[in-house]
Each structure stands twice: as C-alpha cells, then as structure tokens.
Amino acid sequence: MPFAVNSDEVMKAGGDYWRFVPDQPSELLISPRTSDLPNHPGWKPGEFRKYTMPHGLVIRTGNAWEEEGGILKLESHFISFNLFYSFNPADYKGPQGPPSGDWKRWTVDLSKPDGTALPPPETLLSGIFDFPIFDERLTGRKSRVVYLGQMTKPESERPEFDAVVRLDTETGEKLIFSPSEDGRFAEPAYIPRGPDCEEGDGWLIFYTDRPSALKGELIILDTKDFTKPVAIAQLPFVLRNQVHGNWVPNPHPERSLPH
C-alpha cells in the first residue's frame, strides 16, 4: 500500500508511525509457498519479488491460483481513496472523481523480474467492495464464486457496508442481499452445505444492526436464495462491528467441542 514511515522527529511531536503518500504506486510482493524450493525457472531459493501496481489500496484479497506457463491470478478489491484517513497529509484532497473499490483480477507473469509493472487488471465488478470470502476448499486453485460486502451509498454522510453480494466471476451473475433500509453488516463467513457440495453452495452467516433498532441480529442466508434469510437470531443489544472470522467445521462431529 502507498504508505511510508514518519521520522522520529514527527513521531516525537505526536505524529503517527505511518503516513499516506498520494500518487505513490503500490507494490505486490510474491513469495513461493516453499521458499527454499522455488517452482519457476530463474527464481532462487529464498527469493521474493515485488511487482508494481497503480496508486491505490489493496487491503483484503480473495483467492489466488497459478495457471500454466507461470501465470498467477489474484483477485482483490482496488480502492481509489485512503480508508485510513488519520494517516492523510494535512493537504490531502482525495482522488479526482467518485470513489471506487472495484473487484479486480490481476495477472502476474512470474517469469518477469523484480520491479516489473503489472498489466491493468480485469474489472470483475464495479462499485465499492470489501470483506471477500470464497469457498476455502479451493484455496490456491481456480474458483469462480466470491461473496463480497458492498457499500451502496458511498455519498452518504456515514457510508457503511450495507449489502452482501454473491458474484459468479465466470458468468457475471450476481445476487444481492440488503439487511434493511438503514442497516449495516459485519464480515460474513461461508459455511459449505456439506463436504462434497458444489463450489460456494451452503450458507452465509453474519451480524447486522441498524440505528432504528437498539439491538443486533445474526443472519443466516442460503447461498441459493438471497431473497430472505433462513433464520434471524435477535440479540438484546448492539455489538461493535467486527471483522475477520471463519467457519471451522467440527472434525469429529460425533463428539462435542470442548468448552
């Protein structure tokens, strides 16, 4: 991401450790999973390479996989503005034009040397997206279904992620679920319907709340039907919005998990 470290003098005066650098290109670091046994000609044991990207933020990514000929595919959002506003310079005015956070697919030619600029990514879906989750049984292998959080009203006074999207990246088909007119939601987790179900089939589970009601809700959504939840668990209070959770099945379903 386009950030730099402030000097000791700035930090002693109360400044942050990081500072956002407008117009600075971003970098993508690639390291083999087994660093001492690189799988590509020209790569040395322990080597990693940096590939440059346009100015912008990649905070969270979806799946990535390698295709024939040493071509790496990586999916992520790409944000045109700095979400971490506390690191902005005093004179920072933001990007020209409306903000964007499109869902992209990057192509990395692993035969290219360190410092190579990546070609323009493919835009899979336009908008402002975050909190990607995919069927993690396919981690590191080609996948087509991704679930995303979408900010549908970025121009509002307090923009929130207020919709969940199911995107088929091969057909472009998308399903959208909005919790409520004034609702927001936290990062969803994906639950496979079974060990042998098709990719992306199952349920999504996520927390949501809204200013018009002083209570939160836990929503379970069938991935084949975004018109209404399967179940809603109402909580007697509102929680802080949380991120980063995964569904982990019990490896021994005949036994209860320890308390």
C-alpha atoms as a PDB file:
ATOM      1  CA  MET A   1       0.000   0.000   0.000  1.00  0.00           C
ATOM      2  CA  PRO A   2       1.205   3.564  -0.614  1.00  0.00           C
ATOM      3  CA  PHE A   3       2.435   4.361   2.893  1.00  0.00           C
ATOM      4  CA  ALA A   4       5.751   5.480   4.320  1.00  0.00           C
ATOM      5  CA  VAL A   5       7.218   5.675   7.829  1.00  0.00           C
ATOM      6  CA  ASN A   6       7.447   9.058   9.515  1.00  0.00           C
ATOM      7  CA  SER A   7      10.696  10.291  11.005  1.00  0.00           C
ATOM      8  CA  ASP A   8      11.462  10.040  14.730  1.00  0.00           C
ATOM      9  CA  GLU A   9      11.017  13.806  14.983  1.00  0.00           C
ATOM     10  CA  VAL A  10       7.473  13.649  13.590  1.00  0.00           C
ATOM     11  CA  MET A  11       6.511  10.794  15.918  1.00  0.00           C
ATOM     12  CA  LYS A  12       8.021  12.513  18.981  1.00  0.00           C
ATOM     13  CA  ALA A  13       5.893  15.531  18.126  1.00  0.00           C
ATOM     14  CA  GLY A  14       2.761  13.368  18.254  1.00  0.00           C
ATOM     15  CA  GLY A  15       2.610  12.191  14.664  1.00  0.00           C
ATOM     16  CA  ASP A  16       1.609   8.703  13.559  1.00  0.00           C
ATOM     17  CA  TYR A  17       4.080   5.983  12.637  1.00  0.00           C
ATOM     18  CA  TRP A  18       2.614   5.723   9.127  1.00  0.00           C
ATOM     19  CA  ARG A  19       1.807   8.395   6.588  1.00  0.00           C
ATOM     20  CA  PHE A  20      -0.154   8.073   3.383  1.00  0.00           C
ATOM     21  CA  VAL A  21       1.785   9.071   0.238  1.00  0.00           C
ATOM     22  CA  PRO A  22      -0.536  10.378  -2.504  1.00  0.00           C
ATOM     23  CA  ASP A  23       0.259   9.177  -6.051  1.00  0.00           C
ATOM     24  CA  GLN A  24       2.856   6.637  -4.862  1.00  0.00           C
ATOM     25  CA  PRO A  25       2.490   3.294  -6.700  1.00  0.00           C
ATOM     26  CA  SER A  26       1.545   0.235  -4.689  1.00  0.00           C
ATOM     27  CA  GLU A  27       3.591  -2.956  -4.652  1.00  0.00           C
ATOM     28  CA  LEU A  28       2.645  -6.618  -4.670  1.00  0.00           C
ATOM     29  CA  LEU A  29       5.122  -8.991  -3.021  1.00  0.00           C
ATOM     30  CA  ILE A  30       5.239 -12.573  -4.306  1.00  0.00           C
ATOM     31  CA  SER A  31       6.960 -15.346  -2.360  1.00  0.00           C
ATOM     32  CA  PRO A  32       6.867 -19.082  -3.165  1.00  0.00           C
ATOM     33  CA  ARG A  33       4.993 -21.117  -0.576  1.00  0.00           C
ATOM     34  CA  THR A  34       8.100 -23.278  -0.188  1.00  0.00           C
ATOM     35  CA  SER A  35      10.773 -20.603  -0.408  1.00  0.00           C
ATOM     36  CA  ASP A  36      13.739 -22.968  -0.500  1.00  0.00           C
ATOM     37  CA  LEU A  37      12.269 -24.938  -3.434  1.00  0.00           C
ATOM     38  CA  PRO A  38      11.055 -22.371  -5.975  1.00  0.00           C
ATOM     39  CA  ASN A  39       8.938 -23.887  -8.721  1.00  0.00           C
ATOM     40  CA  HIS A  40       9.878 -21.477 -11.517  1.00  0.00           C
ATOM     41  CA  PRO A  41      12.980 -21.090 -13.685  1.00  0.00           C
ATOM     42  CA  GLY A  42      15.072 -18.115 -12.690  1.00  0.00           C
ATOM     43  CA  TRP A  43      13.841 -17.984  -9.096  1.00  0.00           C
ATOM     44  CA  LYS A  44      16.492 -18.554  -6.452  1.00  0.00           C
ATOM     45  CA  PRO A  45      15.895 -20.256  -3.092  1.00  0.00           C
ATOM     46  CA  GLY A  46      14.540 -17.722  -0.604  1.00  0.00           C
ATOM     47  CA  GLU A  47      13.794 -15.134  -3.313  1.00  0.00           C
ATOM     48  CA  PHE A  48      10.705 -12.924  -3.355  1.00  0.00           C
ATOM     49  CA  ARG A  49       9.781 -10.361  -5.995  1.00  0.00           C
ATOM     50  CA  LYS A  50       7.978  -7.032  -5.940  1.00  0.00           C
ATOM     51  CA  TYR A  51       5.645  -6.098  -8.774  1.00  0.00           C
ATOM     52  CA  THR A  52       4.332  -2.546  -9.020  1.00  0.00           C
ATOM     53  CA  MET A  53       0.672  -1.622  -9.232  1.00  0.00           C
ATOM     54  CA  PRO A  54      -1.097   1.708  -9.792  1.00  0.00           C
ATOM     55  CA  HIS A  55      -1.678   4.048  -6.867  1.00  0.00           C
ATOM     56  CA  GLY A  56      -4.427   2.667  -4.651  1.00  0.00           C
ATOM     57  CA  LEU A  57      -5.154   0.314  -1.765  1.00  0.00           C
ATOM     58  CA  VAL A  58      -5.496  -3.458  -1.655  1.00  0.00           C
ATOM     59  CA  ILE A  59      -6.476  -4.269   1.922  1.00  0.00           C
ATOM     60  CA  ARG A  60      -8.067  -7.696   1.513  1.00  0.00           C
ATOM     61  CA  THR A  61      -7.843 -10.282  -1.234  1.00  0.00           C
ATOM     62  CA  GLY A  62      -9.881 -13.210  -2.476  1.00  0.00           C
ATOM     63  CA  ASN A  63      -8.463 -16.379  -3.934  1.00  0.00           C
ATOM     64  CA  ALA A  64      -5.274 -16.748  -5.990  1.00  0.00           C
ATOM     65  CA  TRP A  65      -4.115 -19.586  -8.204  1.00  0.00           C
ATOM     66  CA  GLU A  66      -1.427 -20.400 -10.716  1.00  0.00           C
ATOM     67  CA  GLU A  67      -2.099 -21.269 -14.343  1.00  0.00           C
ATOM     68  CA  GLU A  68       0.086 -22.867 -16.992  1.00  0.00           C
ATOM     69  CA  GLY A  69       3.218 -21.014 -18.003  1.00  0.00           C
ATOM     70  CA  GLY A  70       3.869 -19.494 -14.580  1.00  0.00           C
ATOM     71  CA  ILE A  71       0.891 -17.096 -14.669  1.00  0.00           C
ATOM     72  CA  LEU A  72      -0.516 -16.150 -11.280  1.00  0.00           C
ATOM     73  CA  LYS A  73      -4.115 -14.923 -10.970  1.00  0.00           C
ATOM     74  CA  LEU A  74      -5.100 -12.897  -7.898  1.00  0.00           C
ATOM     75  CA  GLU A  75      -8.480 -11.378  -7.042  1.00  0.00           C
ATOM     76  CA  SER A  76      -8.870  -8.346  -4.792  1.00  0.00           C
ATOM     77  CA  HIS A  77     -10.633  -5.060  -4.436  1.00  0.00           C
ATOM     78  CA  PHE A  78      -8.732  -1.945  -5.513  1.00  0.00           C
ATOM     79  CA  ILE A  79      -9.621   1.210  -3.630  1.00  0.00           C
ATOM     80  CA  SER A  80      -9.039   4.651  -5.111  1.00  0.00           C
ATOM     81  CA  PHE A  81      -9.040   6.511  -1.767  1.00  0.00           C
ATOM     82  CA  ASN A  82      -7.350   6.130   1.606  1.00  0.00           C
ATOM     83  CA  LEU A  83      -9.619   4.469   4.162  1.00  0.00           C
ATOM     84  CA  PHE A  84      -7.119   5.210   6.947  1.00  0.00           C
ATOM     85  CA  TYR A  85      -7.824   8.926   6.963  1.00  0.00           C
ATOM     86  CA  SER A  86      -5.812   9.566  10.140  1.00  0.00           C
ATOM     87  CA  PHE A  87      -2.642   8.942   8.087  1.00  0.00           C
ATOM     88  CA  ASN A  88      -3.524  11.507   5.402  1.00  0.00           C
ATOM     89  CA  PRO A  89      -1.328  14.570   4.875  1.00  0.00           C
ATOM     90  CA  ALA A  90      -2.898  17.825   6.021  1.00  0.00           C
ATOM     91  CA  ASP A  91      -3.358  18.994   2.434  1.00  0.00           C
ATOM     92  CA  TYR A  92      -4.717  15.697   1.057  1.00  0.00           C
ATOM     93  CA  LYS A  93      -7.883  16.252  -1.003  1.00  0.00           C
ATOM     94  CA  GLY A  94      -8.654  12.702  -2.099  1.00  0.00           C
ATOM     95  CA  PRO A  95      -8.983  11.262  -5.597  1.00  0.00           C
ATOM     96  CA  GLN A  96     -10.475  13.065  -8.531  1.00  0.00           C
ATOM     97  CA  GLY A  97     -13.953  11.802  -9.369  1.00  0.00           C
ATOM     98  CA  PRO A  98     -16.195   9.466  -7.351  1.00  0.00           C
ATOM     99  CA  PRO A  99     -14.562   6.914  -5.022  1.00  0.00           C
ATOM    100  CA  SER A 100     -14.232   3.342  -6.255  1.00  0.00           C
ATOM    101  CA  GLY A 101     -13.290  -0.048  -4.868  1.00  0.00           C
ATOM    102  CA  ASP A 102     -13.888  -2.372  -7.824  1.00  0.00           C
ATOM    103  CA  TRP A 103     -13.416  -6.127  -7.597  1.00  0.00           C
ATOM    104  CA  LYS A 104     -10.426  -6.934  -9.817  1.00  0.00           C
ATOM    105  CA  ARG A 105      -8.450  -9.878 -11.149  1.00  0.00           C
ATOM    106  CA  TRP A 106      -4.714  -9.305 -11.506  1.00  0.00           C
ATOM    107  CA  THR A 107      -2.381 -11.235 -13.795  1.00  0.00           C
ATOM    108  CA  VAL A 108       1.223 -11.729 -12.675  1.00  0.00           C
ATOM    109  CA  ASP A 109       3.774 -13.246 -15.053  1.00  0.00           C
ATOM    110  CA  LEU A 110       6.179 -14.946 -12.649  1.00  0.00           C
ATOM    111  CA  SER A 111       8.924 -15.042 -15.289  1.00  0.00           C
ATOM    112  CA  LYS A 112       9.176 -11.244 -15.148  1.00  0.00           C
ATOM    113  CA  PRO A 113      11.942  -9.735 -12.999  1.00  0.00           C
ATOM    114  CA  ASP A 114      11.628  -7.885  -9.722  1.00  0.00           C
ATOM    115  CA  GLY A 115      10.175  -4.393 -10.184  1.00  0.00           C
ATOM    116  CA  THR A 116       8.024  -5.197 -13.228  1.00  0.00           C
ATOM    117  CA  ALA A 117       4.802  -3.176 -13.550  1.00  0.00           C
ATOM    118  CA  LEU A 118       1.674  -5.327 -13.650  1.00  0.00           C
ATOM    119  CA  PRO A 119      -0.668  -5.007 -16.632  1.00  0.00           C
ATOM    120  CA  PRO A 120      -4.047  -3.351 -15.975  1.00  0.00           C
ATOM    121  CA  PRO A 121      -6.294  -5.738 -14.044  1.00  0.00           C
ATOM    122  CA  GLU A 122      -9.595  -7.120 -15.278  1.00  0.00           C
ATOM    123  CA  THR A 123     -12.599  -5.492 -13.597  1.00  0.00           C
ATOM    124  CA  LEU A 124     -14.993  -8.228 -12.491  1.00  0.00           C
ATOM    125  CA  LEU A 125     -17.487  -5.957 -10.714  1.00  0.00           C
ATOM    126  CA  SER A 126     -17.683  -2.171 -10.357  1.00  0.00           C
ATOM    127  CA  GLY A 127     -18.528  -0.480  -7.065  1.00  0.00           C
ATOM    128  CA  ILE A 128     -17.005  -0.355  -3.569  1.00  0.00           C
ATOM    129  CA  PHE A 129     -16.380  -3.833  -2.164  1.00  0.00           C
ATOM    130  CA  ASP A 130     -14.615  -5.401   0.814  1.00  0.00           C
ATOM    131  CA  PHE A 131     -14.789  -8.437   3.130  1.00  0.00           C
ATOM    132  CA  PRO A 132     -14.325 -11.072   0.404  1.00  0.00           C
ATOM    133  CA  ILE A 133     -14.937 -14.705   1.251  1.00  0.00           C
ATOM    134  CA  PHE A 134     -14.786 -17.696  -1.066  1.00  0.00           C
ATOM    135  CA  ASP A 135     -15.056 -21.453  -0.758  1.00  0.00           C
ATOM    136  CA  GLU A 136     -11.791 -22.111   1.060  1.00  0.00           C
ATOM    137  CA  ARG A 137     -11.777 -25.752  -0.023  1.00  0.00           C
ATOM    138  CA  LEU A 138     -10.454 -24.257  -3.290  1.00  0.00           C
ATOM    139  CA  THR A 139      -7.719 -22.124  -1.758  1.00  0.00           C
ATOM    140  CA  GLY A 140      -4.852 -21.903  -4.228  1.00  0.00           C
ATOM    141  CA  ARG A 141      -6.954 -23.434  -7.035  1.00  0.00           C
ATOM    142  CA  LYS A 142      -9.133 -21.711  -9.598  1.00  0.00           C
ATOM    143  CA  SER A 143     -12.504 -20.659  -8.208  1.00  0.00           C
ATOM    144  CA  ARG A 144     -15.462 -18.771  -9.648  1.00  0.00           C
ATOM    145  CA  VAL A 145     -17.747 -17.801  -6.737  1.00  0.00           C
ATOM    146  CA  VAL A 146     -16.923 -14.995  -4.325  1.00  0.00           C
ATOM    147  CA  TYR A 147     -19.027 -13.293  -1.642  1.00  0.00           C
ATOM    148  CA  LEU A 148     -18.461  -9.583  -1.037  1.00  0.00           C
ATOM    149  CA  GLY A 149     -19.622  -6.750   1.137  1.00  0.00           C
ATOM    150  CA  GLN A 150     -20.774  -3.712  -0.847  1.00  0.00           C
ATOM    151  CA  MET A 151     -21.082  -0.060   0.086  1.00  0.00           C
ATOM    152  CA  THR A 152     -24.092   1.006  -1.994  1.00  0.00           C
ATOM    153  CA  LYS A 153     -24.337   4.600  -0.703  1.00  0.00           C
ATOM    154  CA  PRO A 154     -20.765   5.943  -0.595  1.00  0.00           C
ATOM    155  CA  GLU A 155     -22.025   9.510  -0.925  1.00  0.00           C
ATOM    156  CA  SER A 156     -23.978   9.365   2.356  1.00  0.00           C
ATOM    157  CA  GLU A 157     -22.822  11.189   5.490  1.00  0.00           C
ATOM    158  CA  ARG A 158     -21.806   7.928   7.211  1.00  0.00           C
ATOM    159  CA  PRO A 159     -21.225   5.334   4.482  1.00  0.00           C
ATOM    160  CA  GLU A 160     -21.481   1.731   5.643  1.00  0.00           C
ATOM    161  CA  PHE A 161     -21.265  -1.677   4.054  1.00  0.00           C
ATOM    162  CA  ASP A 162     -24.952  -2.353   3.611  1.00  0.00           C
ATOM    163  CA  ALA A 163     -25.273  -5.233   1.115  1.00  0.00           C
ATOM    164  CA  VAL A 164     -23.932  -8.752   0.580  1.00  0.00           C
ATOM    165  CA  VAL A 165     -23.139  -9.820  -2.987  1.00  0.00           C
ATOM    166  CA  ARG A 166     -22.695 -13.284  -4.494  1.00  0.00           C
ATOM    167  CA  LEU A 167     -20.673 -12.995  -7.713  1.00  0.00           C
ATOM    168  CA  ASP A 168     -20.066 -15.720 -10.286  1.00  0.00           C
ATOM    169  CA  THR A 169     -16.866 -14.430 -11.885  1.00  0.00           C
ATOM    170  CA  GLU A 170     -17.288 -16.628 -14.982  1.00  0.00           C
ATOM    171  CA  THR A 171     -20.857 -15.701 -15.922  1.00  0.00           C
ATOM    172  CA  GLY A 172     -21.049 -12.281 -14.221  1.00  0.00           C
ATOM    173  CA  GLU A 173     -24.263 -13.339 -12.469  1.00  0.00           C
ATOM    174  CA  LYS A 174     -24.751 -11.633  -9.104  1.00  0.00           C
ATOM    175  CA  LEU A 175     -27.183 -11.875  -6.239  1.00  0.00           C
ATOM    176  CA  ILE A 176     -27.605  -9.052  -3.713  1.00  0.00           C
ATOM    177  CA  PHE A 177     -28.999  -9.135  -0.179  1.00  0.00           C
ATOM    178  CA  SER A 178     -29.598  -5.948   1.830  1.00  0.00           C
ATOM    179  CA  PRO A 179     -30.311  -6.466   5.549  1.00  0.00           C
ATOM    180  CA  SER A 180     -32.603  -3.410   5.907  1.00  0.00           C
ATOM    181  CA  GLU A 181     -33.085   0.133   4.652  1.00  0.00           C
ATOM    182  CA  ASP A 182     -30.767   1.635   7.274  1.00  0.00           C
ATOM    183  CA  GLY A 183     -28.794  -1.486   8.178  1.00  0.00           C
ATOM    184  CA  ARG A 184     -25.106  -2.288   8.086  1.00  0.00           C
ATOM    185  CA  PHE A 185     -23.390  -5.620   8.445  1.00  0.00           C
ATOM    186  CA  ALA A 186     -20.142  -7.196   9.530  1.00  0.00           C
ATOM    187  CA  GLU A 187     -17.934  -9.513   7.503  1.00  0.00           C
ATOM    188  CA  PRO A 188     -19.747 -12.736   6.527  1.00  0.00           C
ATOM    189  CA  ALA A 189     -18.475 -16.278   6.997  1.00  0.00           C
ATOM    190  CA  TYR A 190     -19.173 -19.041   4.489  1.00  0.00           C
ATOM    191  CA  ILE A 191     -20.439 -22.475   5.594  1.00  0.00           C
ATOM    192  CA  PRO A 192     -20.298 -25.295   2.990  1.00  0.00           C
ATOM    193  CA  ARG A 193     -23.532 -27.281   2.778  1.00  0.00           C
ATOM    194  CA  GLY A 194     -21.522 -30.489   3.025  1.00  0.00           C
ATOM    195  CA  PRO A 195     -18.053 -31.909   2.401  1.00  0.00           C
ATOM    196  CA  ASP A 196     -18.845 -32.725  -1.238  1.00  0.00           C
ATOM    197  CA  CYS A 197     -21.166 -29.850  -2.174  1.00  0.00           C
ATOM    198  CA  GLU A 198     -20.535 -27.754  -5.259  1.00  0.00           C
ATOM    199  CA  GLU A 199     -18.402 -24.641  -5.014  1.00  0.00           C
ATOM    200  CA  GLY A 200     -19.965 -21.854  -2.969  1.00  0.00           C
ATOM    201  CA  ASP A 201     -23.065 -23.849  -2.012  1.00  0.00           C
ATOM    202  CA  GLY A 202     -24.202 -23.543   1.586  1.00  0.00           C
ATOM    203  CA  TRP A 203     -24.917 -20.641   3.898  1.00  0.00           C
ATOM    204  CA  LEU A 204     -23.559 -17.241   4.867  1.00  0.00           C
ATOM    205  CA  ILE A 205     -23.671 -16.115   8.489  1.00  0.00           C
ATOM    206  CA  PHE A 206     -23.106 -12.503   9.545  1.00  0.00           C
ATOM    207  CA  TYR A 207     -24.001  -9.865  12.120  1.00  0.00           C
ATOM    208  CA  THR A 208     -26.106  -6.822  11.279  1.00  0.00           C
ATOM    209  CA  ASP A 209     -27.588  -3.840  13.113  1.00  0.00           C
ATOM    210  CA  ARG A 210     -29.306  -0.552  12.298  1.00  0.00           C
ATOM    211  CA  PRO A 211     -29.747   2.824  14.023  1.00  0.00           C
ATOM    212  CA  SER A 212     -33.538   2.466  14.062  1.00  0.00           C
ATOM    213  CA  ALA A 213     -33.370  -0.514  16.464  1.00  0.00           C
ATOM    214  CA  LEU A 214     -31.200  -0.843  19.583  1.00  0.00           C
ATOM    215  CA  LYS A 215     -30.430  -4.489  19.011  1.00  0.00           C
ATOM    216  CA  GLY A 216     -28.320  -6.559  16.689  1.00  0.00           C
ATOM    217  CA  GLU A 217     -29.172  -9.582  14.598  1.00  0.00           C
ATOM    218  CA  LEU A 218     -27.317 -12.667  13.442  1.00  0.00           C
ATOM    219  CA  ILE A 219     -28.469 -13.584   9.932  1.00  0.00           C
ATOM    220  CA  ILE A 220     -28.151 -16.956   8.202  1.00  0.00           C
ATOM    221  CA  LEU A 221     -28.582 -16.733   4.447  1.00  0.00           C
ATOM    222  CA  ASP A 222     -28.914 -19.615   1.973  1.00  0.00           C
ATOM    223  CA  THR A 223     -26.452 -19.045  -0.866  1.00  0.00           C
ATOM    224  CA  LYS A 224     -29.081 -20.210  -3.391  1.00  0.00           C
ATOM    225  CA  ASP A 225     -31.745 -17.776  -2.187  1.00  0.00           C
ATOM    226  CA  PHE A 226     -30.827 -14.169  -1.426  1.00  0.00           C
ATOM    227  CA  THR A 227     -34.477 -13.052  -1.221  1.00  0.00           C
ATOM    228  CA  LYS A 228     -34.852 -13.784   2.503  1.00  0.00           C
ATOM    229  CA  PRO A 229     -32.824 -15.235   5.383  1.00  0.00           C
ATOM    230  CA  VAL A 230     -33.143 -18.827   6.501  1.00  0.00           C
ATOM    231  CA  ALA A 231     -33.024 -17.635  10.111  1.00  0.00           C
ATOM    232  CA  ILE A 232     -32.551 -14.461  12.151  1.00  0.00           C
ATOM    233  CA  ALA A 233     -31.282 -14.597  15.737  1.00  0.00           C
ATOM    234  CA  GLN A 234     -32.212 -11.366  17.505  1.00  0.00           C
ATOM    235  CA  LEU A 235     -29.816 -10.114  20.157  1.00  0.00           C
ATOM    236  CA  PRO A 236     -30.941  -7.937  23.080  1.00  0.00           C
ATOM    237  CA  PHE A 237     -28.079  -5.475  22.489  1.00  0.00           C
ATOM    238  CA  VAL A 238     -25.905  -3.959  19.773  1.00  0.00           C
ATOM    239  CA  LEU A 239     -22.358  -5.207  19.255  1.00  0.00           C
ATOM    240  CA  ARG A 240     -19.413  -3.330  17.875  1.00  0.00           C
ATOM    241  CA  ASN A 241     -18.960  -4.068  14.201  1.00  0.00           C
ATOM    242  CA  GLN A 242     -16.398  -6.869  13.875  1.00  0.00           C
ATOM    243  CA  VAL A 243     -14.362  -8.374  11.054  1.00  0.00           C
ATOM    244  CA  HIS A 244     -12.328 -11.483  10.258  1.00  0.00           C
ATOM    245  CA  GLY A 245     -13.954 -14.729  11.246  1.00  0.00           C
ATOM    246  CA  ASN A 246     -14.081 -18.123   9.560  1.00  0.00           C
ATOM    247  CA  TRP A 247     -16.388 -21.078   9.897  1.00  0.00           C
ATOM    248  CA  VAL A 248     -14.448 -24.149  11.042  1.00  0.00           C
ATOM    249  CA  PRO A 249     -16.339 -27.471  10.977  1.00  0.00           C
ATOM    250  CA  ASN A 250     -16.027 -29.869  13.866  1.00  0.00           C
ATOM    251  CA  PRO A 251     -13.556 -32.528  12.645  1.00  0.00           C
ATOM    252  CA  HIS A 252     -15.246 -35.046  14.960  1.00  0.00           C
ATOM    253  CA  PRO A 253     -18.999 -34.369  14.681  1.00  0.00           C
ATOM    254  CA  GLU A 254     -19.778 -37.352  16.894  1.00  0.00           C
ATOM    255  CA  ARG A 255     -18.080 -35.527  19.794  1.00  0.00           C
ATOM    256  CA  SER A 256     -18.920 -32.183  21.320  1.00  0.00           C
ATOM    257  CA  LEU A 257     -16.351 -29.441  21.078  1.00  0.00           C
ATOM    258  CA  PRO A 258     -14.541 -28.571  24.353  1.00  0.00           C
ATOM    259  CA  HIS A 259     -15.940 -25.635  26.299  1.00  0.00           C
END
